[in-house]
Amino acid sequence: MQFQKELDTRGLNCPLPILKAKKALAEMAAGQVLKVVATDPGSMRDFQAFARQTGNELLEQSTAADEFIHYLKRR
């Protein structure tokens, strides 16, 4: 998937990945895609809730080894 910005939140636990993603999305233009790489298993449900609450679109989530990858589209 194509993205304009990548955010590495490996080693950070809730709520830090969400807070960093929120800050990164605020700096992006509408329609741009943010890729977030996290190691916190709770980030899967956290980003689902975050997308619902903020109106940003959660395009895809995947797991690779011990990493959780999230793609968010800026509203």
N, C-alpha and C. Protein backbone atom coordinates (compact mmCIF):
# COMPACT_ATOMS: atom_id res chain seq x y z
N MET A 1 0.84 -1.18 0.00
CA MET A 1 0.00 0.00 0.00
C MET A 1 0.88 1.25 0.00
N GLN A 2 0.47 2.25 -0.74
CA GLN A 2 1.24 3.48 -0.77
C GLN A 2 0.88 4.36 0.41
N PHE A 3 1.89 5.04 0.93
CA PHE A 3 1.66 5.94 2.07
C PHE A 3 2.61 7.13 1.94
N GLN A 4 2.23 8.23 2.57
CA GLN A 4 3.04 9.44 2.49
C GLN A 4 3.98 9.60 3.68
N LYS A 5 3.63 8.97 4.80
CA LYS A 5 4.44 9.12 6.01
C LYS A 5 4.42 7.82 6.79
N GLU A 6 5.57 7.47 7.39
CA GLU A 6 5.65 6.27 8.22
C GLU A 6 6.04 6.67 9.63
N LEU A 7 5.37 6.04 10.59
CA LEU A 7 5.60 6.34 12.00
C LEU A 7 6.03 5.06 12.70
N ASP A 8 7.20 5.09 13.33
CA ASP A 8 7.73 3.93 14.05
C ASP A 8 7.42 4.09 15.53
N THR A 9 6.51 3.26 16.04
CA THR A 9 6.17 3.31 17.47
C THR A 9 6.55 2.00 18.16
N ARG A 10 7.53 1.30 17.60
CA ARG A 10 7.99 0.05 18.21
C ARG A 10 8.48 0.32 19.63
N GLY A 11 8.08 -0.56 20.56
CA GLY A 11 8.53 -0.44 21.95
C GLY A 11 7.66 0.48 22.79
N LEU A 12 6.73 1.18 22.17
CA LEU A 12 5.85 2.08 22.91
C LEU A 12 4.54 1.39 23.22
N ASN A 13 4.00 1.65 24.41
CA ASN A 13 2.72 1.07 24.79
C ASN A 13 1.63 2.13 24.79
N CYS A 14 0.41 1.66 24.79
CA CYS A 14 -0.76 2.53 24.82
C CYS A 14 -0.62 3.54 25.96
N PRO A 15 -0.92 4.80 25.74
CA PRO A 15 -1.54 5.40 24.57
C PRO A 15 -0.55 6.07 23.61
N LEU A 16 0.73 5.86 23.78
CA LEU A 16 1.73 6.58 22.98
C LEU A 16 1.61 6.38 21.46
N PRO A 17 1.40 5.15 20.96
CA PRO A 17 1.25 5.02 19.49
C PRO A 17 0.09 5.87 18.95
N ILE A 18 -1.01 5.89 19.68
CA ILE A 18 -2.18 6.68 19.25
C ILE A 18 -1.86 8.17 19.29
N LEU A 19 -1.23 8.63 20.36
CA LEU A 19 -0.91 10.05 20.48
C LEU A 19 0.05 10.51 19.38
N LYS A 20 1.04 9.68 19.09
CA LYS A 20 1.99 10.03 18.03
C LYS A 20 1.31 10.01 16.66
N ALA A 21 0.41 9.06 16.45
CA ALA A 21 -0.33 9.00 15.18
C ALA A 21 -1.23 10.22 15.03
N LYS A 22 -1.87 10.62 16.10
CA LYS A 22 -2.75 11.79 16.08
C LYS A 22 -1.95 13.04 15.67
N LYS A 23 -0.77 13.19 16.25
CA LYS A 23 0.09 14.33 15.95
C LYS A 23 0.54 14.29 14.48
N ALA A 24 0.94 13.11 14.02
CA ALA A 24 1.41 12.96 12.63
C ALA A 24 0.28 13.26 11.64
N LEU A 25 -0.93 12.76 11.92
CA LEU A 25 -2.06 12.99 11.03
C LEU A 25 -2.41 14.47 10.96
N ALA A 26 -2.26 15.18 12.07
CA ALA A 26 -2.57 16.61 12.12
C ALA A 26 -1.65 17.41 11.18
N GLU A 27 -0.47 16.88 10.92
CA GLU A 27 0.50 17.55 10.06
C GLU A 27 0.35 17.16 8.59
N MET A 28 -0.58 16.24 8.31
CA MET A 28 -0.76 15.74 6.95
C MET A 28 -1.98 16.37 6.28
N ALA A 29 -2.00 16.32 4.96
CA ALA A 29 -3.14 16.84 4.20
C ALA A 29 -4.25 15.80 4.13
N ALA A 30 -5.47 16.26 3.92
CA ALA A 30 -6.62 15.36 3.79
C ALA A 30 -6.36 14.37 2.65
N GLY A 31 -6.67 13.10 2.90
CA GLY A 31 -6.51 12.07 1.89
C GLY A 31 -5.16 11.37 1.90
N GLN A 32 -4.19 11.93 2.64
CA GLN A 32 -2.89 11.28 2.72
C GLN A 32 -2.95 10.08 3.67
N VAL A 33 -2.03 9.13 3.47
CA VAL A 33 -2.03 7.89 4.23
C VAL A 33 -0.81 7.82 5.15
N LEU A 34 -1.08 7.45 6.40
CA LEU A 34 -0.04 7.28 7.42
C LEU A 34 0.10 5.80 7.73
N LYS A 35 1.34 5.31 7.69
CA LYS A 35 1.64 3.92 8.07
C LYS A 35 2.21 3.96 9.49
N VAL A 36 1.64 3.18 10.40
CA VAL A 36 2.13 3.11 11.78
C VAL A 36 2.59 1.69 12.05
N VAL A 37 3.83 1.54 12.52
CA VAL A 37 4.37 0.24 12.90
C VAL A 37 4.47 0.21 14.41
N ALA A 38 3.81 -0.76 15.04
CA ALA A 38 3.76 -0.85 16.50
C ALA A 38 4.10 -2.26 16.96
N THR A 39 4.49 -2.38 18.22
CA THR A 39 4.74 -3.70 18.81
C THR A 39 3.74 -4.01 19.91
N ASP A 40 2.88 -3.07 20.23
CA ASP A 40 1.87 -3.25 21.28
C ASP A 40 0.66 -3.99 20.68
N PRO A 41 0.38 -5.23 21.16
CA PRO A 41 -0.76 -5.98 20.61
C PRO A 41 -2.09 -5.23 20.77
N GLY A 42 -2.20 -4.42 21.79
CA GLY A 42 -3.42 -3.64 22.01
C GLY A 42 -3.64 -2.58 20.96
N SER A 43 -2.62 -2.30 20.17
CA SER A 43 -2.75 -1.26 19.14
C SER A 43 -3.78 -1.66 18.08
N MET A 44 -4.02 -2.95 17.89
CA MET A 44 -5.00 -3.39 16.90
C MET A 44 -6.38 -2.81 17.23
N ARG A 45 -6.83 -3.00 18.45
CA ARG A 45 -8.15 -2.46 18.83
C ARG A 45 -8.09 -0.96 19.08
N ASP A 46 -6.95 -0.47 19.56
CA ASP A 46 -6.82 0.97 19.82
C ASP A 46 -6.99 1.78 18.55
N PHE A 47 -6.38 1.35 17.45
CA PHE A 47 -6.48 2.10 16.21
C PHE A 47 -7.87 1.98 15.59
N GLN A 48 -8.56 0.88 15.83
CA GLN A 48 -9.94 0.75 15.36
C GLN A 48 -10.82 1.79 16.07
N ALA A 49 -10.66 1.89 17.38
CA ALA A 49 -11.43 2.87 18.17
C ALA A 49 -11.05 4.30 17.78
N PHE A 50 -9.76 4.53 17.59
CA PHE A 50 -9.26 5.86 17.21
C PHE A 50 -9.90 6.32 15.89
N ALA A 51 -9.95 5.42 14.92
CA ALA A 51 -10.52 5.77 13.62
C ALA A 51 -12.01 6.10 13.75
N ARG A 52 -12.72 5.30 14.54
CA ARG A 52 -14.15 5.57 14.75
C ARG A 52 -14.37 6.93 15.41
N GLN A 53 -13.55 7.24 16.39
CA GLN A 53 -13.74 8.47 17.16
C GLN A 53 -13.31 9.73 16.41
N THR A 54 -12.32 9.61 15.53
CA THR A 54 -11.77 10.81 14.88
C THR A 54 -12.27 11.02 13.45
N GLY A 55 -12.85 9.99 12.86
CA GLY A 55 -13.31 10.12 11.48
C GLY A 55 -12.24 9.84 10.44
N ASN A 56 -11.01 9.56 10.90
CA ASN A 56 -9.97 9.13 9.97
C ASN A 56 -10.28 7.68 9.58
N GLU A 57 -9.91 7.31 8.36
CA GLU A 57 -10.26 5.98 7.86
C GLU A 57 -9.13 4.99 8.12
N LEU A 58 -9.46 3.87 8.77
CA LEU A 58 -8.50 2.79 8.98
C LEU A 58 -8.58 1.91 7.74
N LEU A 59 -7.57 2.02 6.88
CA LEU A 59 -7.59 1.32 5.60
C LEU A 59 -7.25 -0.15 5.74
N GLU A 60 -6.27 -0.45 6.60
CA GLU A 60 -5.78 -1.83 6.70
C GLU A 60 -5.00 -2.02 7.99
N GLN A 61 -5.08 -3.23 8.53
CA GLN A 61 -4.24 -3.62 9.67
C GLN A 61 -3.67 -4.99 9.35
N SER A 62 -2.40 -5.20 9.72
CA SER A 62 -1.80 -6.50 9.51
C SER A 62 -0.78 -6.78 10.60
N THR A 63 -0.40 -8.05 10.70
CA THR A 63 0.58 -8.47 11.68
C THR A 63 1.72 -9.15 10.94
N ALA A 64 2.94 -8.75 11.26
CA ALA A 64 4.13 -9.37 10.67
C ALA A 64 5.12 -9.62 11.80
N ALA A 65 5.40 -10.88 12.07
CA ALA A 65 6.26 -11.26 13.20
C ALA A 65 5.64 -10.70 14.48
N ASP A 66 6.37 -9.87 15.20
CA ASP A 66 5.84 -9.28 16.43
C ASP A 66 5.42 -7.83 16.23
N GLU A 67 5.17 -7.46 14.98
CA GLU A 67 4.82 -6.08 14.68
C GLU A 67 3.39 -5.99 14.13
N PHE A 68 2.76 -4.88 14.48
CA PHE A 68 1.40 -4.61 14.04
C PHE A 68 1.44 -3.37 13.16
N ILE A 69 0.91 -3.50 11.94
CA ILE A 69 1.00 -2.41 10.97
C ILE A 69 -0.39 -1.88 10.68
N HIS A 70 -0.51 -0.56 10.77
CA HIS A 70 -1.79 0.11 10.59
C HIS A 70 -1.65 1.17 9.51
N TYR A 71 -2.65 1.27 8.64
CA TYR A 71 -2.68 2.31 7.62
C TYR A 71 -3.90 3.18 7.87
N LEU A 72 -3.66 4.46 8.10
CA LEU A 72 -4.75 5.40 8.37
C LEU A 72 -4.78 6.47 7.30
N LYS A 73 -5.98 6.76 6.81
CA LYS A 73 -6.16 7.81 5.81
C LYS A 73 -6.71 9.05 6.51
N ARG A 74 -6.01 10.16 6.33
CA ARG A 74 -6.41 11.42 6.97
C ARG A 74 -7.73 11.89 6.41
N ARG A 75 -8.63 12.29 7.28
CA ARG A 75 -9.95 12.77 6.83
C ARG A 75 -9.84 14.19 6.30
